[in-house]
């Protein structure tokens, strides 16, 4: 999840170029709502591969809009429009709510009302991430599970995990929202940054390929999938064990 850190408003009137640039960044963030709507439509049409495509586009936008917002200084240029609020709204839809809906509709969770209960658990527990002032550490790690249910959903989908695994994983991850274990932000954490970026690219590639090939699971793709994704868990555990990055 990106974060549009806001700078204090400036008393100097911005030029036209900066104003256009700031609104362009806001438009990029707002486009996440479009990708969310398209993902929902694809889910309702049972076009799961297309749904994941829209999620990936939303993920790419989410990965760059915060950096652009800080570079342009959107808060200084347009002080009355809070892009961070829009960013959080888009994040909740694309990282949490829609993946939870997909999980309850398309993944095995046993008989009713278990799928609905798991969805409610996800969307309620995630509030303790989005509304948590201490959700980010000083060195830009997530503290507690960062409500990345889109990642959880795609893992369950491509690995075709059974209902009992999905139920246990959902309950455990929801509880971990309040446990101060650290999780790596791939773009903003400085320690191992090059490895982090390479690993997320590999993991996204493997996820995309496994979605396209579903339900086939080539061994080499599974290896890339586990190595890329496993690194994030390992690097987060390293941070938890060793303390704040210097």
C-alpha atoms as a PDB file:
ATOM      1  CA  UNK A   1       0.000   0.000   0.000  1.00  0.00           C
ATOM      2  CA  UNK A   2       1.277   3.393  -0.915  1.00  0.00           C
ATOM      3  CA  UNK A   3       1.168   6.354   1.401  1.00  0.00           C
ATOM      4  CA  UNK A   4       0.676   9.915   0.239  1.00  0.00           C
ATOM      5  CA  UNK A   5       2.630  11.663   2.979  1.00  0.00           C
ATOM      6  CA  UNK A   6       1.365  15.216   3.052  1.00  0.00           C
ATOM      7  CA  UNK A   7       3.634  18.243   3.304  1.00  0.00           C
ATOM      8  CA  UNK A   8       2.471  21.369   5.169  1.00  0.00           C
ATOM      9  CA  UNK A   9       0.677  23.880   2.915  1.00  0.00           C
ATOM     10  CA  UNK A  10       2.829  26.605   1.399  1.00  0.00           C
ATOM     11  CA  UNK A  11       1.926  30.294   1.504  1.00  0.00           C
ATOM     12  CA  UNK A  12       3.400  30.803  -1.986  1.00  0.00           C
ATOM     13  CA  UNK A  13       0.935  30.437  -4.860  1.00  0.00           C
ATOM     14  CA  UNK A  14       1.976  27.547  -7.137  1.00  0.00           C
ATOM     15  CA  UNK A  15       2.418  28.003 -10.855  1.00  0.00           C
ATOM     16  CA  UNK A  16       0.162  26.497 -13.500  1.00  0.00           C
ATOM     17  CA  UNK A  17       2.632  23.707 -14.228  1.00  0.00           C
ATOM     18  CA  UNK A  18       2.744  22.517 -10.612  1.00  0.00           C
ATOM     19  CA  UNK A  19      -1.032  22.752 -10.327  1.00  0.00           C
ATOM     20  CA  UNK A  20      -1.537  20.612 -13.426  1.00  0.00           C
ATOM     21  CA  UNK A  21       1.059  18.129 -12.174  1.00  0.00           C
ATOM     22  CA  UNK A  22      -0.604  17.911  -8.758  1.00  0.00           C
ATOM     23  CA  UNK A  23      -4.030  17.276 -10.250  1.00  0.00           C
ATOM     24  CA  UNK A  24      -2.514  14.685 -12.583  1.00  0.00           C
ATOM     25  CA  UNK A  25      -1.178  12.810  -9.551  1.00  0.00           C
ATOM     26  CA  UNK A  26      -4.581  13.021  -7.861  1.00  0.00           C
ATOM     27  CA  UNK A  27      -6.197  11.741 -11.068  1.00  0.00           C
ATOM     28  CA  UNK A  28      -3.790   8.802 -11.048  1.00  0.00           C
ATOM     29  CA  UNK A  29      -4.780   7.967  -7.474  1.00  0.00           C
ATOM     30  CA  UNK A  30      -8.490   8.375  -8.264  1.00  0.00           C
ATOM     31  CA  UNK A  31      -8.083   5.991 -11.220  1.00  0.00           C
ATOM     32  CA  UNK A  32      -7.774   3.262  -8.607  1.00  0.00           C
ATOM     33  CA  UNK A  33     -11.542   3.537  -8.177  1.00  0.00           C
ATOM     34  CA  UNK A  34     -11.938   2.780 -11.881  1.00  0.00           C
ATOM     35  CA  UNK A  35      -9.750  -0.322 -11.639  1.00  0.00           C
ATOM     36  CA  UNK A  36     -11.695  -1.396  -8.548  1.00  0.00           C
ATOM     37  CA  UNK A  37     -15.003  -1.059 -10.411  1.00  0.00           C
ATOM     38  CA  UNK A  38     -13.668  -3.028 -13.368  1.00  0.00           C
ATOM     39  CA  UNK A  39     -12.342  -5.733 -11.037  1.00  0.00           C
ATOM     40  CA  UNK A  40     -15.756  -5.999  -9.373  1.00  0.00           C
ATOM     41  CA  UNK A  41     -17.490  -6.273 -12.733  1.00  0.00           C
ATOM     42  CA  UNK A  42     -15.061  -9.010 -13.812  1.00  0.00           C
ATOM     43  CA  UNK A  43     -15.676 -10.900 -10.561  1.00  0.00           C
ATOM     44  CA  UNK A  44     -19.449 -10.706 -10.996  1.00  0.00           C
ATOM     45  CA  UNK A  45     -18.993 -11.945 -14.584  1.00  0.00           C
ATOM     46  CA  UNK A  46     -16.870 -14.836 -13.264  1.00  0.00           C
ATOM     47  CA  UNK A  47     -13.884 -13.645 -15.322  1.00  0.00           C
ATOM     48  CA  UNK A  48     -11.271 -14.244 -12.639  1.00  0.00           C
ATOM     49  CA  UNK A  49      -8.220 -13.719 -14.853  1.00  0.00           C
ATOM     50  CA  UNK A  50      -9.517 -10.306 -15.944  1.00  0.00           C
ATOM     51  CA  UNK A  51     -10.262  -9.414 -12.326  1.00  0.00           C
ATOM     52  CA  UNK A  52      -6.637 -10.081 -11.408  1.00  0.00           C
ATOM     53  CA  UNK A  53      -5.472  -7.955 -14.347  1.00  0.00           C
ATOM     54  CA  UNK A  54      -7.392  -4.950 -12.987  1.00  0.00           C
ATOM     55  CA  UNK A  55      -6.023  -5.641  -9.527  1.00  0.00           C
ATOM     56  CA  UNK A  56      -2.466  -5.655 -10.902  1.00  0.00           C
ATOM     57  CA  UNK A  57      -3.022  -2.311 -12.626  1.00  0.00           C
ATOM     58  CA  UNK A  58      -4.397  -0.906  -9.359  1.00  0.00           C
ATOM     59  CA  UNK A  59      -1.347  -2.299  -7.562  1.00  0.00           C
ATOM     60  CA  UNK A  60       1.026  -0.588 -10.007  1.00  0.00           C
ATOM     61  CA  UNK A  61      -0.800   2.728  -9.587  1.00  0.00           C
ATOM     62  CA  UNK A  62      -0.696   2.306  -5.816  1.00  0.00           C
ATOM     63  CA  UNK A  63       3.036   1.670  -5.997  1.00  0.00           C
ATOM     64  CA  UNK A  64       3.878   4.920  -7.775  1.00  0.00           C
ATOM     65  CA  UNK A  65       1.286   7.531  -6.836  1.00  0.00           C
ATOM     66  CA  UNK A  66       2.655   8.171  -3.353  1.00  0.00           C
ATOM     67  CA  UNK A  67       6.162   8.781  -4.680  1.00  0.00           C
ATOM     68  CA  UNK A  68       4.818  11.151  -7.328  1.00  0.00           C
ATOM     69  CA  UNK A  69       2.684  12.961  -4.741  1.00  0.00           C
ATOM     70  CA  UNK A  70       5.717  13.604  -2.553  1.00  0.00           C
ATOM     71  CA  UNK A  71       7.803  14.712  -5.530  1.00  0.00           C
ATOM     72  CA  UNK A  72       5.186  17.172  -6.792  1.00  0.00           C
ATOM     73  CA  UNK A  73       4.225  18.349  -3.309  1.00  0.00           C
ATOM     74  CA  UNK A  74       0.502  17.934  -3.857  1.00  0.00           C
ATOM     75  CA  UNK A  75      -0.439  19.165  -0.384  1.00  0.00           C
ATOM     76  CA  UNK A  76       1.410  22.428  -0.943  1.00  0.00           C
ATOM     77  CA  UNK A  77      -0.167  22.948  -4.354  1.00  0.00           C
ATOM     78  CA  UNK A  78      -3.751  21.879  -3.555  1.00  0.00           C
ATOM     79  CA  UNK A  79      -4.061  22.162   0.234  1.00  0.00           C
ATOM     80  CA  UNK A  80      -7.851  21.692   0.317  1.00  0.00           C
ATOM     81  CA  UNK A  81      -7.821  18.264  -1.381  1.00  0.00           C
ATOM     82  CA  UNK A  82      -6.429  15.420   0.734  1.00  0.00           C
ATOM     83  CA  UNK A  83      -5.076  12.758  -1.598  1.00  0.00           C
ATOM     84  CA  UNK A  84      -4.244  10.508   1.354  1.00  0.00           C
ATOM     85  CA  UNK A  85      -7.966  10.038   2.017  1.00  0.00           C
ATOM     86  CA  UNK A  86      -8.526   8.963  -1.587  1.00  0.00           C
ATOM     87  CA  UNK A  87      -5.495   6.686  -1.383  1.00  0.00           C
ATOM     88  CA  UNK A  88      -6.836   4.959   1.735  1.00  0.00           C
ATOM     89  CA  UNK A  89     -10.252   4.537   0.118  1.00  0.00           C
ATOM     90  CA  UNK A  90      -8.731   2.940  -2.977  1.00  0.00           C
ATOM     91  CA  UNK A  91      -6.465   0.764  -0.832  1.00  0.00           C
ATOM     92  CA  UNK A  92      -9.386  -0.504   1.239  1.00  0.00           C
ATOM     93  CA  UNK A  93     -11.308  -1.419  -1.898  1.00  0.00           C
ATOM     94  CA  UNK A  94      -8.479  -3.041  -3.862  1.00  0.00           C
ATOM     95  CA  UNK A  95      -6.357  -4.515  -1.066  1.00  0.00           C
ATOM     96  CA  UNK A  96      -9.123  -5.569   1.310  1.00  0.00           C
ATOM     97  CA  UNK A  97     -12.835  -5.343   0.480  1.00  0.00           C
ATOM     98  CA  UNK A  98     -12.914  -6.686  -3.088  1.00  0.00           C
ATOM     99  CA  UNK A  99     -10.378  -9.468  -2.364  1.00  0.00           C
ATOM    100  CA  UNK A 100     -12.495 -10.449   0.664  1.00  0.00           C
ATOM    101  CA  UNK A 101     -15.586 -10.524  -1.548  1.00  0.00           C
ATOM    102  CA  UNK A 102     -13.732 -12.664  -4.095  1.00  0.00           C
ATOM    103  CA  UNK A 103     -12.583 -15.038  -1.356  1.00  0.00           C
ATOM    104  CA  UNK A 104     -16.117 -15.486  -0.036  1.00  0.00           C
ATOM    105  CA  UNK A 105     -17.575 -16.002  -3.521  1.00  0.00           C
ATOM    106  CA  UNK A 106     -14.932 -18.040  -5.332  1.00  0.00           C
ATOM    107  CA  UNK A 107     -12.657 -19.810  -2.835  1.00  0.00           C
ATOM    108  CA  UNK A 108     -13.509 -22.877  -0.739  1.00  0.00           C
ATOM    109  CA  UNK A 109     -14.462 -21.935   2.827  1.00  0.00           C
ATOM    110  CA  UNK A 110     -16.961 -24.661   3.605  1.00  0.00           C
ATOM    111  CA  UNK A 111     -20.736 -24.386   3.901  1.00  0.00           C
ATOM    112  CA  UNK A 112     -22.677 -21.209   4.585  1.00  0.00           C
ATOM    113  CA  UNK A 113     -22.408 -19.050   6.602  1.00  0.00           C
ATOM    114  CA  UNK A 114     -18.646 -19.654   6.924  1.00  0.00           C
ATOM    115  CA  UNK A 115     -17.637 -17.757   3.734  1.00  0.00           C
ATOM    116  CA  UNK A 116     -19.665 -14.721   4.837  1.00  0.00           C
ATOM    117  CA  UNK A 117     -18.228 -14.865   8.362  1.00  0.00           C
ATOM    118  CA  UNK A 118     -14.685 -14.984   6.971  1.00  0.00           C
ATOM    119  CA  UNK A 119     -15.414 -11.975   4.761  1.00  0.00           C
ATOM    120  CA  UNK A 120     -16.773 -10.039   7.736  1.00  0.00           C
ATOM    121  CA  UNK A 121     -13.703 -10.983   9.781  1.00  0.00           C
ATOM    122  CA  UNK A 122     -11.424  -9.676   7.020  1.00  0.00           C
ATOM    123  CA  UNK A 123     -13.161  -6.350   6.432  1.00  0.00           C
ATOM    124  CA  UNK A 124     -13.570  -5.614  10.154  1.00  0.00           C
ATOM    125  CA  UNK A 125     -10.084  -6.669  11.276  1.00  0.00           C
ATOM    126  CA  UNK A 126      -8.557  -4.605   8.471  1.00  0.00           C
ATOM    127  CA  UNK A 127      -9.977  -1.436  10.014  1.00  0.00           C
ATOM    128  CA  UNK A 128      -7.395  -1.884  12.772  1.00  0.00           C
ATOM    129  CA  UNK A 129      -4.734  -1.537  10.079  1.00  0.00           C
ATOM    130  CA  UNK A 130      -6.140   1.447   8.202  1.00  0.00           C
ATOM    131  CA  UNK A 131      -7.107   3.370  11.355  1.00  0.00           C
ATOM    132  CA  UNK A 132      -3.885   2.563  13.223  1.00  0.00           C
ATOM    133  CA  UNK A 133      -1.566   5.568  13.626  1.00  0.00           C
ATOM    134  CA  UNK A 134       1.298   3.174  14.387  1.00  0.00           C
ATOM    135  CA  UNK A 135       0.766   1.048  11.300  1.00  0.00           C
ATOM    136  CA  UNK A 136       4.115   2.184   9.838  1.00  0.00           C
ATOM    137  CA  UNK A 137       7.450   2.091  11.667  1.00  0.00           C
ATOM    138  CA  UNK A 138       9.975   4.922  11.454  1.00  0.00           C
ATOM    139  CA  UNK A 139      11.933   2.883   8.902  1.00  0.00           C
ATOM    140  CA  UNK A 140       8.816   2.282   6.747  1.00  0.00           C
ATOM    141  CA  UNK A 141       7.969  -1.308   7.656  1.00  0.00           C
ATOM    142  CA  UNK A 142       4.358  -2.267   8.236  1.00  0.00           C
ATOM    143  CA  UNK A 143       3.714  -3.108  11.892  1.00  0.00           C
ATOM    144  CA  UNK A 144       1.136  -5.865  12.083  1.00  0.00           C
ATOM    145  CA  UNK A 145      -0.342  -7.647   9.087  1.00  0.00           C
ATOM    146  CA  UNK A 146      -1.020  -4.821   6.586  1.00  0.00           C
ATOM    147  CA  UNK A 147      -4.448  -6.015   5.385  1.00  0.00           C
ATOM    148  CA  UNK A 148      -2.890  -7.266   2.143  1.00  0.00           C
ATOM    149  CA  UNK A 149      -5.776  -9.586   1.428  1.00  0.00           C
ATOM    150  CA  UNK A 150      -5.300  -9.317  -2.326  1.00  0.00           C
ATOM    151  CA  UNK A 151      -1.984 -11.123  -1.820  1.00  0.00           C
ATOM    152  CA  UNK A 152      -3.633 -13.703   0.441  1.00  0.00           C
ATOM    153  CA  UNK A 153      -6.438 -14.246  -2.059  1.00  0.00           C
ATOM    154  CA  UNK A 154      -4.128 -14.865  -4.991  1.00  0.00           C
ATOM    155  CA  UNK A 155      -2.008 -17.276  -2.932  1.00  0.00           C
ATOM    156  CA  UNK A 156      -5.096 -19.287  -2.001  1.00  0.00           C
ATOM    157  CA  UNK A 157      -6.359 -19.145  -5.581  1.00  0.00           C
ATOM    158  CA  UNK A 158      -3.239 -20.259  -7.441  1.00  0.00           C
ATOM    159  CA  UNK A 159      -2.264 -22.875  -4.832  1.00  0.00           C
ATOM    160  CA  UNK A 160      -5.855 -24.176  -4.740  1.00  0.00           C
ATOM    161  CA  UNK A 161      -5.773 -24.547  -0.970  1.00  0.00           C
ATOM    162  CA  UNK A 162      -8.620 -26.443   0.735  1.00  0.00           C
ATOM    163  CA  UNK A 163     -11.281 -24.870   2.937  1.00  0.00           C
ATOM    164  CA  UNK A 164      -9.685 -25.775   6.272  1.00  0.00           C
ATOM    165  CA  UNK A 165      -6.395 -24.134   5.254  1.00  0.00           C
ATOM    166  CA  UNK A 166      -8.209 -21.025   4.052  1.00  0.00           C
ATOM    167  CA  UNK A 167     -10.205 -20.722   7.275  1.00  0.00           C
ATOM    168  CA  UNK A 168      -7.180 -21.131   9.549  1.00  0.00           C
ATOM    169  CA  UNK A 169      -5.045 -18.752   7.463  1.00  0.00           C
ATOM    170  CA  UNK A 170      -7.771 -16.098   7.474  1.00  0.00           C
ATOM    171  CA  UNK A 171      -8.251 -16.260  11.243  1.00  0.00           C
ATOM    172  CA  UNK A 172      -4.502 -16.191  11.940  1.00  0.00           C
ATOM    173  CA  UNK A 173      -3.792 -13.297   9.572  1.00  0.00           C
ATOM    174  CA  UNK A 174      -6.715 -11.286  10.932  1.00  0.00           C
ATOM    175  CA  UNK A 175      -5.287 -11.735  14.434  1.00  0.00           C
ATOM    176  CA  UNK A 176      -1.802 -10.757  13.228  1.00  0.00           C
ATOM    177  CA  UNK A 177      -3.162  -7.316  12.341  1.00  0.00           C
ATOM    178  CA  UNK A 178      -2.696  -6.473  16.035  1.00  0.00           C
ATOM    179  CA  UNK A 179       0.596  -8.327  16.564  1.00  0.00           C
ATOM    180  CA  UNK A 180       3.731  -6.116  16.239  1.00  0.00           C
ATOM    181  CA  UNK A 181       5.492  -8.269  13.669  1.00  0.00           C
ATOM    182  CA  UNK A 182       7.101  -6.292  10.845  1.00  0.00           C
ATOM    183  CA  UNK A 183       6.318  -6.696   7.141  1.00  0.00           C
ATOM    184  CA  UNK A 184       8.481  -5.216   4.405  1.00  0.00           C
ATOM    185  CA  UNK A 185       7.265  -2.378   2.204  1.00  0.00           C
ATOM    186  CA  UNK A 186       8.962  -3.306  -1.108  1.00  0.00           C
ATOM    187  CA  UNK A 187       9.589   0.253  -2.303  1.00  0.00           C
ATOM    188  CA  UNK A 188      10.136   2.326   0.840  1.00  0.00           C
ATOM    189  CA  UNK A 189      12.238   0.080   3.082  1.00  0.00           C
ATOM    190  CA  UNK A 190      15.919   0.877   2.565  1.00  0.00           C
ATOM    191  CA  UNK A 191      17.408  -2.353   3.911  1.00  0.00           C
ATOM    192  CA  UNK A 192      17.775  -4.924   1.090  1.00  0.00           C
ATOM    193  CA  UNK A 193      15.910  -2.541  -1.251  1.00  0.00           C
ATOM    194  CA  UNK A 194      17.335  -4.019  -4.464  1.00  0.00           C
ATOM    195  CA  UNK A 195      16.518  -7.557  -3.331  1.00  0.00           C
ATOM    196  CA  UNK A 196      13.054  -6.455  -2.221  1.00  0.00           C
ATOM    197  CA  UNK A 197      12.236  -4.937  -5.609  1.00  0.00           C
ATOM    198  CA  UNK A 198      13.569  -7.927  -7.547  1.00  0.00           C
ATOM    199  CA  UNK A 199      11.657 -10.349  -5.335  1.00  0.00           C
ATOM    200  CA  UNK A 200       8.355  -8.506  -5.739  1.00  0.00           C
ATOM    201  CA  UNK A 201       8.803  -8.406  -9.520  1.00  0.00           C
ATOM    202  CA  UNK A 202       9.499 -12.149  -9.559  1.00  0.00           C
ATOM    203  CA  UNK A 203       6.548 -12.867  -7.286  1.00  0.00           C
ATOM    204  CA  UNK A 204       4.151 -10.783  -9.389  1.00  0.00           C
ATOM    205  CA  UNK A 205       5.414 -12.469 -12.547  1.00  0.00           C
ATOM    206  CA  UNK A 206       4.860 -15.899 -11.004  1.00  0.00           C
ATOM    207  CA  UNK A 207       1.389 -14.915  -9.793  1.00  0.00           C
ATOM    208  CA  UNK A 208       0.410 -13.625 -13.213  1.00  0.00           C
ATOM    209  CA  UNK A 209       1.694 -16.725 -14.963  1.00  0.00           C
ATOM    210  CA  UNK A 210      -0.050 -19.051 -12.500  1.00  0.00           C
ATOM    211  CA  UNK A 211      -3.331 -17.177 -12.996  1.00  0.00           C
ATOM    212  CA  UNK A 212      -3.023 -17.485 -16.782  1.00  0.00           C
ATOM    213  CA  UNK A 213      -2.121 -21.189 -16.549  1.00  0.00           C
ATOM    214  CA  UNK A 214      -4.660 -21.994 -13.808  1.00  0.00           C
ATOM    215  CA  UNK A 215      -5.189 -24.750 -12.711  1.00  0.00           C
ATOM    216  CA  UNK A 216      -1.818 -25.976 -14.057  1.00  0.00           C
ATOM    217  CA  UNK A 217       1.093 -25.399 -11.636  1.00  0.00           C
ATOM    218  CA  UNK A 218       4.533 -25.789 -13.288  1.00  0.00           C
ATOM    219  CA  UNK A 219       7.181 -26.586 -10.692  1.00  0.00           C
ATOM    220  CA  UNK A 220       9.568 -23.841 -11.808  1.00  0.00           C
ATOM    221  CA  UNK A 221       6.829 -21.223 -11.443  1.00  0.00           C
ATOM    222  CA  UNK A 222       5.986 -22.466  -7.963  1.00  0.00           C
ATOM    223  CA  UNK A 223       9.665 -22.156  -7.025  1.00  0.00           C
ATOM    224  CA  UNK A 224       9.764 -18.545  -8.258  1.00  0.00           C
ATOM    225  CA  UNK A 225       6.475 -17.905  -6.442  1.00  0.00           C
ATOM    226  CA  UNK A 226       7.744 -19.230  -3.102  1.00  0.00           C
ATOM    227  CA  UNK A 227      11.201 -17.661  -3.330  1.00  0.00           C
ATOM    228  CA  UNK A 228       9.849 -14.230  -4.261  1.00  0.00           C
ATOM    229  CA  UNK A 229       7.048 -14.240  -1.710  1.00  0.00           C
ATOM    230  CA  UNK A 230       9.047 -15.988   0.993  1.00  0.00           C
ATOM    231  CA  UNK A 231      11.684 -13.278   0.963  1.00  0.00           C
ATOM    232  CA  UNK A 232       9.181 -10.708   2.199  1.00  0.00           C
ATOM    233  CA  UNK A 233       8.320 -12.828   5.208  1.00  0.00           C
ATOM    234  CA  UNK A 234      12.008 -13.459   5.931  1.00  0.00           C
ATOM    235  CA  UNK A 235      13.032  -9.806   5.595  1.00  0.00           C
ATOM    236  CA  UNK A 236      10.176  -8.772   7.869  1.00  0.00           C
ATOM    237  CA  UNK A 237      11.202 -11.319  10.492  1.00  0.00           C
ATOM    238  CA  UNK A 238      14.777 -10.016  10.280  1.00  0.00           C
ATOM    239  CA  UNK A 239      13.509  -6.511  11.053  1.00  0.00           C
ATOM    240  CA  UNK A 240      11.386  -7.786  13.943  1.00  0.00           C
ATOM    241  CA  UNK A 241      14.349  -9.665  15.416  1.00  0.00           C
ATOM    242  CA  UNK A 242      17.088  -7.054  14.897  1.00  0.00           C
ATOM    243  CA  UNK A 243      15.253  -3.800  15.516  1.00  0.00           C
ATOM    244  CA  UNK A 244      14.974  -0.561  13.584  1.00  0.00           C
ATOM    245  CA  UNK A 245      17.128  -0.071  10.493  1.00  0.00           C
ATOM    246  CA  UNK A 246      19.880   2.483  10.965  1.00  0.00           C
END
